[in-house]
Amino acid sequence: MAGYKGQKLAGTASQWSFSHFVTAVATDEIGQVFGFALGNGRIRCVTFAKEQAHVSHELKVHDGAILAMIAWGGGGFVSAGDDGAIKRILPDGSITEWVRHPGQWVERLLALPDGRLAYGLGKMLRLLDPVSGAVTELGPHDSTVAGFDVLGGRIAVAHYNAISLWDYTTGQPADPPRLDWKGSNLVVAQAPDGSHIATATQSGDIHVWRLADKNEMRMSGYPGKIRSLSWTKDSQLLFASGAPVLAGWRFDGPGPEGRAPLELTEGNEDALLTQVAAHPSRTLAACGLDDGSIAVVDILTGSGAALGVTRNAPVSTLGWSESGGYLLAGSEDGRAVIVSLERIDAMLG
């Protein structure tokens, strides 16, 4: 289990065991439902009121694995799977298919501020208006869309050799600005204040651009593939998976160049981070590891706590609810936890 300062969260989380790989987690705070997407195409739903009683219900949504799931405005969820379908799961449990792409996988979903849904399909980024059914296509890019992130009216799209910056508010823009970096860019994350854009690459490093002057920074030496990036709300720290410790690169003042990152867990050589997630408003950072544990640390005080999700498989997904009131995690062997912020605060002191 990850090293940390403080007490364990043992016995303070709602722990669950599902039948398949947990591929995604999301919280519908309007309907007060926790959602766990599974590798068998089903979603397990846990209502807030029944969490402690360990009561859940299951919905069959996709033919095959669910690859992505997000909470949706107005309540409920939207999911995508390896059956090529994107479906809306309403708060009453009914399911509506929005679109289907036979023979293709839809692996990532993103809700845009204007009410549209963004998803990658081959070399194109598609923006779907679920009300009218209208679709705007951005691309083609140099390769299959690997990842994307929205900030205001800008979508940053990761693909081979570059990050493309699209202004999705202008209809169908052409020739978007690019941030070039050779190789496969896997993940992209924009700093909340718009100052920097970070990408993780196939070669195990992080590349960051400061947009004001296009200054570039590179942080290398990660022993594992970086599949997850997360900025703190104030844009001062950037966390990444793929390392044995939860470490934040500093973007205050002079930036990360020539400075060691802020290490928040002790770590060990036998476990690498698989997921990272900074709290949406508080000075908390969470991580999941391939030894089946998660850790939560207060960035300011250094106090932390850890919890074993499972002993048999890596943590596959991790995320805070939109308000930050809950932390959810799932593992490759179907184990999962729900931890409230109140419980985390109690353990951190």
Protein backbone atom coordinates (compact mmCIF):
# COMPACT_ATOMS: atom_id res chain seq x y z
CA MET A 1 0.00 0.00 0.00
CA ALA A 2 1.18 3.53 -0.69
CA GLY A 3 3.13 5.23 2.08
CA TYR A 4 1.49 8.27 3.67
CA LYS A 5 1.46 10.40 6.79
CA GLY A 6 -1.58 9.98 9.03
CA GLN A 7 -4.15 7.30 9.60
CA LYS A 8 -5.70 4.72 7.33
CA LEU A 9 -9.20 4.97 5.97
CA ALA A 10 -9.76 1.33 6.88
CA GLY A 11 -13.37 0.72 7.85
CA THR A 12 -14.52 4.19 6.82
CA ALA A 13 -15.41 3.53 3.18
CA SER A 14 -18.35 1.80 1.58
CA GLN A 15 -16.77 -1.20 -0.15
CA TRP A 16 -18.34 -3.15 -3.00
CA SER A 17 -17.69 -6.25 -5.07
CA PHE A 18 -19.00 -6.43 -8.62
CA SER A 19 -18.73 -9.21 -11.17
CA HIS A 20 -16.49 -7.55 -13.76
CA PHE A 21 -13.70 -5.03 -14.41
CA VAL A 22 -14.77 -1.54 -13.29
CA THR A 23 -14.08 0.65 -16.32
CA ALA A 24 -15.47 4.01 -15.17
CA VAL A 25 -17.11 5.73 -12.20
CA ALA A 26 -19.39 8.77 -12.06
CA THR A 27 -21.72 10.47 -9.59
CA ASP A 28 -25.15 11.81 -10.49
CA GLU A 29 -25.52 14.33 -7.69
CA ILE A 30 -28.93 15.54 -8.91
CA GLY A 31 -30.43 12.06 -8.71
CA GLN A 32 -28.11 11.09 -5.83
CA VAL A 33 -26.81 7.98 -7.56
CA PHE A 34 -23.31 6.55 -7.83
CA GLY A 35 -22.60 4.78 -11.12
CA PHE A 36 -20.04 2.01 -11.77
CA ALA A 37 -19.53 1.00 -15.41
CA LEU A 38 -18.46 -2.60 -15.94
CA GLY A 39 -16.68 -4.66 -18.54
CA ASN A 40 -19.78 -6.75 -19.21
CA GLY A 41 -21.79 -3.79 -20.58
CA ARG A 42 -23.72 -3.19 -17.38
CA ILE A 43 -23.91 -0.27 -14.94
CA ARG A 44 -24.32 -0.85 -11.23
CA CYS A 45 -26.21 2.00 -9.59
CA VAL A 46 -26.04 2.78 -5.87
CA THR A 47 -28.37 5.42 -4.44
CA PHE A 48 -26.96 7.65 -1.71
CA ALA A 49 -29.65 6.56 0.74
CA LYS A 50 -28.88 2.86 0.27
CA GLU A 51 -25.10 3.05 0.19
CA GLN A 52 -24.59 1.84 3.76
CA ALA A 53 -27.14 -0.94 3.29
CA HIS A 54 -25.13 -2.17 0.30
CA VAL A 55 -28.16 -2.16 -1.96
CA SER A 56 -27.66 -1.59 -5.69
CA HIS A 57 -29.42 -2.27 -8.96
CA GLU A 58 -27.99 -3.22 -12.33
CA LEU A 59 -28.78 -1.95 -15.81
CA LYS A 60 -27.87 -3.76 -19.03
CA VAL A 61 -26.69 -0.96 -21.33
CA HIS A 62 -24.18 -2.17 -23.93
CA ASP A 63 -23.38 -5.33 -25.89
CA GLY A 64 -19.80 -5.71 -24.78
CA ALA A 65 -17.68 -3.63 -22.44
CA ILE A 66 -18.51 -0.10 -21.36
CA LEU A 67 -15.44 1.97 -22.20
CA ALA A 68 -16.53 5.39 -20.94
CA MET A 69 -19.20 6.88 -18.69
CA ILE A 70 -19.86 10.41 -17.41
CA ALA A 71 -22.54 12.13 -15.36
CA TRP A 72 -24.90 14.20 -17.49
CA GLY A 73 -26.61 17.53 -16.80
CA GLY A 74 -30.15 17.10 -15.55
CA GLY A 75 -29.31 13.78 -13.92
CA GLY A 76 -28.30 10.32 -15.02
CA PHE A 77 -25.34 9.23 -17.12
CA VAL A 78 -24.04 8.90 -20.68
CA SER A 79 -22.01 5.84 -21.62
CA ALA A 80 -20.11 4.47 -24.61
CA GLY A 81 -18.92 1.00 -25.41
CA ASP A 82 -17.05 -1.31 -27.73
CA ASP A 83 -20.37 -1.90 -29.51
CA GLY A 84 -20.00 1.60 -31.00
CA ALA A 85 -23.07 2.92 -29.21
CA ILE A 86 -23.49 6.03 -27.08
CA LYS A 87 -26.43 5.84 -24.71
CA ARG A 88 -28.22 8.12 -22.28
CA ILE A 89 -29.20 6.54 -18.97
CA LEU A 90 -32.03 8.63 -17.53
CA PRO A 91 -32.57 9.12 -13.77
CA ASP A 92 -35.53 6.71 -13.85
CA GLY A 93 -33.31 3.98 -15.29
CA SER A 94 -34.63 4.12 -18.85
CA ILE A 95 -32.05 4.01 -21.64
CA THR A 96 -31.99 5.95 -24.92
CA GLU A 97 -29.49 5.33 -27.70
CA TRP A 98 -28.15 8.61 -29.06
CA VAL A 99 -25.91 7.28 -31.80
CA ARG A 100 -24.25 4.05 -32.96
CA HIS A 101 -21.07 3.43 -34.97
CA PRO A 102 -21.03 -0.30 -35.83
CA GLY A 103 -17.61 -1.90 -35.81
CA GLN A 104 -15.95 1.02 -33.96
CA TRP A 105 -15.08 1.67 -30.33
CA VAL A 106 -15.93 4.86 -28.47
CA GLU A 107 -13.49 5.12 -25.58
CA ARG A 108 -13.83 8.68 -24.28
CA LEU A 109 -16.69 11.08 -23.60
CA LEU A 110 -16.70 14.73 -22.56
CA ALA A 111 -19.61 17.02 -21.73
CA LEU A 112 -19.18 20.50 -23.21
CA PRO A 113 -20.39 23.69 -21.50
CA ASP A 114 -22.85 24.35 -24.35
CA GLY A 115 -24.71 21.07 -23.77
CA ARG A 116 -23.06 19.01 -26.51
CA LEU A 117 -21.20 15.73 -26.14
CA ALA A 118 -17.66 15.31 -27.46
CA TYR A 119 -16.21 11.95 -28.43
CA GLY A 120 -13.44 10.63 -30.65
CA LEU A 121 -14.07 8.47 -33.68
CA GLY A 122 -11.00 7.54 -35.65
CA LYS A 123 -9.15 10.70 -36.68
CA MET A 124 -12.17 12.92 -36.02
CA LEU A 125 -13.50 14.57 -32.90
CA ARG A 126 -17.30 14.61 -33.06
CA LEU A 127 -19.53 17.08 -31.23
CA LEU A 128 -23.08 15.77 -30.85
CA ASP A 129 -26.08 17.92 -30.00
CA PRO A 130 -28.35 15.41 -28.25
CA VAL A 131 -31.44 17.59 -28.74
CA SER A 132 -31.24 18.19 -32.49
CA GLY A 133 -28.99 15.25 -33.39
CA ALA A 134 -26.67 17.62 -35.27
CA VAL A 135 -23.01 16.63 -35.40
CA THR A 136 -19.97 18.85 -35.92
CA GLU A 137 -16.75 17.11 -36.92
CA LEU A 138 -13.33 18.52 -36.03
CA GLY A 139 -10.45 17.05 -37.99
CA PRO A 140 -9.09 14.93 -39.47
CA HIS A 141 -6.08 14.78 -37.18
CA ASP A 142 -2.73 13.15 -37.91
CA SER A 143 -3.84 9.94 -36.23
CA THR A 144 -6.64 8.48 -34.14
CA VAL A 145 -7.79 10.90 -31.46
CA ALA A 146 -6.09 9.71 -28.27
CA GLY A 147 -7.45 12.16 -25.72
CA PHE A 148 -9.12 15.54 -25.39
CA ASP A 149 -9.86 18.15 -22.75
CA VAL A 150 -12.13 21.20 -22.72
CA LEU A 151 -11.55 24.60 -21.11
CA GLY A 152 -13.98 27.39 -21.90
CA GLY A 153 -14.44 27.46 -25.67
CA ARG A 154 -11.27 25.49 -26.41
CA ILE A 155 -10.85 21.75 -26.89
CA ALA A 156 -7.29 20.42 -26.82
CA VAL A 157 -7.02 17.18 -28.83
CA ALA A 158 -4.07 14.79 -28.39
CA HIS A 159 -2.87 12.81 -31.40
CA TYR A 160 0.34 11.77 -33.09
CA ASN A 161 2.98 14.55 -33.24
CA ALA A 162 0.84 17.36 -31.78
CA ILE A 163 -1.95 18.78 -29.68
CA SER A 164 -4.57 20.55 -31.81
CA LEU A 165 -6.43 23.48 -30.22
CA TRP A 166 -9.97 23.86 -31.54
CA ASP A 167 -12.34 26.74 -30.87
CA TYR A 168 -15.58 24.77 -30.93
CA THR A 169 -17.74 27.89 -30.54
CA THR A 170 -17.07 29.12 -34.10
CA GLY A 171 -18.98 26.46 -35.99
CA GLN A 172 -16.56 24.33 -37.98
CA PRO A 173 -13.12 25.96 -37.73
CA ALA A 174 -10.30 25.00 -40.08
CA ASP A 175 -6.57 24.63 -39.47
CA PRO A 176 -6.53 25.00 -35.68
CA PRO A 177 -3.36 26.11 -33.87
CA ARG A 178 -1.05 23.21 -32.99
CA LEU A 179 1.43 22.51 -30.25
CA ASP A 180 3.90 20.20 -31.95
CA TRP A 181 5.70 17.40 -30.16
CA LYS A 182 6.89 14.35 -32.08
CA GLY A 183 5.57 10.96 -31.04
CA SER A 184 2.34 9.56 -29.66
CA ASN A 185 0.55 11.92 -27.31
CA LEU A 186 -1.74 9.81 -25.13
CA VAL A 187 -3.42 12.19 -22.68
CA VAL A 188 -3.93 15.96 -22.55
CA ALA A 189 -4.88 18.23 -19.65
CA GLN A 190 -5.37 22.00 -19.64
CA ALA A 191 -4.56 24.02 -16.52
CA PRO A 192 -7.80 25.47 -15.10
CA ASP A 193 -6.50 29.03 -15.46
CA GLY A 194 -5.66 28.44 -19.13
CA SER A 195 -1.96 29.12 -18.65
CA HIS A 196 -0.51 25.71 -19.55
CA ILE A 197 -1.35 22.57 -21.51
CA ALA A 198 0.21 19.23 -20.62
CA THR A 199 0.42 15.98 -22.54
CA ALA A 200 1.70 12.53 -21.62
CA THR A 201 3.55 10.63 -24.32
CA GLN A 202 4.14 7.03 -25.30
CA SER A 203 7.81 7.40 -24.35
CA GLY A 204 6.95 7.93 -20.68
CA ASP A 205 7.37 11.65 -20.26
CA ILE A 206 5.26 14.78 -19.79
CA HIS A 207 5.48 17.72 -22.14
CA VAL A 208 4.05 21.09 -21.08
CA TRP A 209 3.56 24.33 -23.00
CA ARG A 210 3.19 27.72 -21.34
CA LEU A 211 0.76 29.39 -23.72
CA ALA A 212 1.76 32.99 -23.01
CA ASP A 213 5.15 32.57 -24.69
CA LYS A 214 5.00 28.95 -26.03
CA ASN A 215 7.81 28.00 -23.67
CA GLU A 216 8.14 24.20 -23.51
CA MET A 217 8.98 22.01 -20.53
CA ARG A 218 9.68 18.29 -20.39
CA MET A 219 9.54 16.02 -17.35
CA SER A 220 10.85 12.54 -18.11
CA GLY A 221 11.87 9.31 -16.42
CA TYR A 222 8.47 7.80 -15.61
CA PRO A 223 8.84 4.02 -15.27
CA GLY A 224 5.24 3.29 -16.25
CA LYS A 225 2.90 4.49 -18.98
CA ILE A 226 1.24 7.77 -18.02
CA ARG A 227 -2.48 7.30 -18.50
CA SER A 228 -3.76 10.00 -16.15
CA LEU A 229 -2.98 13.70 -15.63
CA SER A 230 -4.63 16.09 -13.19
CA TRP A 231 -4.13 19.78 -12.34
CA THR A 232 -5.01 21.31 -8.99
CA LYS A 233 -7.82 23.86 -9.11
CA ASP A 234 -5.37 26.76 -8.72
CA SER A 235 -3.18 25.42 -11.60
CA GLN A 236 -0.14 25.34 -9.30
CA LEU A 237 0.52 21.59 -9.35
CA LEU A 238 0.30 18.91 -12.05
CA PHE A 239 0.00 15.24 -11.02
CA ALA A 240 0.63 12.22 -13.22
CA SER A 241 0.31 8.45 -12.96
CA GLY A 242 3.11 6.10 -13.97
CA ALA A 243 5.37 6.78 -10.97
CA PRO A 244 5.74 5.02 -7.60
CA VAL A 245 4.85 8.22 -5.68
CA LEU A 246 2.16 10.89 -5.91
CA ALA A 247 4.26 13.84 -7.03
CA GLY A 248 3.12 17.26 -8.16
CA TRP A 249 5.15 19.35 -10.61
CA ARG A 250 5.21 22.97 -9.43
CA PHE A 251 3.93 25.71 -11.72
CA ASP A 252 4.14 28.57 -9.24
CA GLY A 253 6.72 31.28 -9.87
CA PRO A 254 9.61 29.87 -11.94
CA GLY A 255 7.78 26.67 -12.84
CA PRO A 256 9.02 23.08 -12.71
CA GLU A 257 12.31 23.45 -14.55
CA GLY A 258 15.26 22.67 -12.31
CA ARG A 259 12.98 21.95 -9.34
CA ALA A 260 12.10 18.64 -7.76
CA PRO A 261 8.38 17.84 -7.68
CA LEU A 262 6.40 17.94 -4.46
CA GLU A 263 6.20 14.32 -3.29
CA LEU A 264 3.08 13.59 -1.24
CA THR A 265 3.42 9.82 -0.71
CA GLU A 266 6.43 7.70 0.12
CA GLY A 267 5.72 4.98 -2.41
CA ASN A 268 7.64 1.79 -3.05
CA GLU A 269 9.26 0.09 -6.01
CA ASP A 270 6.58 -2.58 -6.20
CA ALA A 271 3.62 -0.30 -6.98
CA LEU A 272 3.01 2.39 -9.60
CA LEU A 273 0.23 4.95 -9.79
CA THR A 274 -2.48 4.09 -12.31
CA GLN A 275 -4.81 7.07 -11.68
CA VAL A 276 -4.54 10.60 -10.25
CA ALA A 277 -7.29 13.06 -9.37
CA ALA A 278 -6.96 16.47 -7.73
CA HIS A 279 -10.01 17.64 -5.79
CA PRO A 280 -12.17 20.12 -7.75
CA SER A 281 -12.01 22.81 -5.04
CA ARG A 282 -10.00 21.66 -2.01
CA THR A 283 -6.27 21.14 -1.48
CA LEU A 284 -6.63 17.36 -1.71
CA ALA A 285 -5.12 14.93 -4.20
CA ALA A 286 -6.02 11.28 -4.67
CA CYS A 287 -4.27 8.46 -6.47
CA GLY A 288 -4.88 4.80 -7.28
CA LEU A 289 -2.11 2.23 -7.61
CA ASP A 290 -1.52 -1.07 -9.35
CA ASP A 291 -1.31 -2.81 -5.96
CA GLY A 292 -5.04 -2.19 -5.48
CA SER A 293 -4.80 0.71 -3.04
CA ILE A 294 -5.79 4.37 -3.10
CA ALA A 295 -4.37 7.29 -1.13
CA VAL A 296 -5.69 10.77 -0.35
CA VAL A 297 -3.34 13.55 0.76
CA ASP A 298 -3.84 17.14 1.90
CA ILE A 299 -1.36 19.13 -0.19
CA LEU A 300 -0.93 21.88 2.41
CA THR A 301 -0.45 19.80 5.55
CA GLY A 302 0.98 16.60 4.08
CA SER A 303 -1.43 14.49 6.13
CA GLY A 304 -2.75 11.49 4.28
CA ALA A 305 -4.70 8.29 4.44
CA ALA A 306 -4.79 5.08 2.43
CA LEU A 307 -7.30 2.34 1.70
CA GLY A 308 -7.09 -1.04 0.03
CA VAL A 309 -9.69 -1.35 -2.71
CA THR A 310 -8.51 -4.88 -3.50
CA ARG A 311 -5.44 -7.06 -3.05
CA ASN A 312 -5.57 -8.77 -6.40
CA ALA A 313 -5.64 -6.15 -9.19
CA PRO A 314 -4.76 -2.57 -10.14
CA VAL A 315 -7.06 0.38 -9.52
CA SER A 316 -8.59 0.96 -12.95
CA THR A 317 -10.63 4.12 -12.42
CA LEU A 318 -10.77 6.94 -9.87
CA GLY A 319 -12.70 10.18 -9.69
CA TRP A 320 -14.26 12.88 -7.51
CA SER A 321 -17.88 13.85 -7.86
CA GLU A 322 -18.40 17.25 -9.49
CA SER A 323 -18.91 18.99 -6.15
CA GLY A 324 -16.05 17.08 -4.58
CA GLY A 325 -18.29 15.49 -1.95
CA TYR A 326 -17.33 11.92 -2.85
CA LEU A 327 -14.35 9.94 -4.11
CA LEU A 328 -15.08 6.78 -6.11
CA ALA A 329 -12.65 4.10 -7.23
CA GLY A 330 -12.85 0.75 -9.00
CA SER A 331 -10.43 -2.04 -9.83
CA GLU A 332 -9.79 -4.51 -12.61
CA ASP A 333 -11.20 -7.38 -10.54
CA GLY A 334 -14.53 -5.69 -9.89
CA ARG A 335 -13.90 -4.23 -6.43
CA ALA A 336 -14.97 -0.66 -5.71
CA VAL A 337 -15.19 1.93 -2.93
CA ILE A 338 -17.21 5.04 -2.18
CA VAL A 339 -15.63 7.52 0.26
CA SER A 340 -17.38 10.69 1.39
CA LEU A 341 -15.47 13.92 1.89
CA GLU A 342 -16.70 14.01 5.49
CA ARG A 343 -15.02 10.67 6.13
CA ILE A 344 -11.83 11.80 4.48
CA ASP A 345 -11.77 15.01 6.55
CA ALA A 346 -12.30 13.02 9.74
CA MET A 347 -9.35 10.77 9.03
CA LEU A 348 -7.05 13.57 7.92
CA GLY A 349 -7.78 15.45 11.13
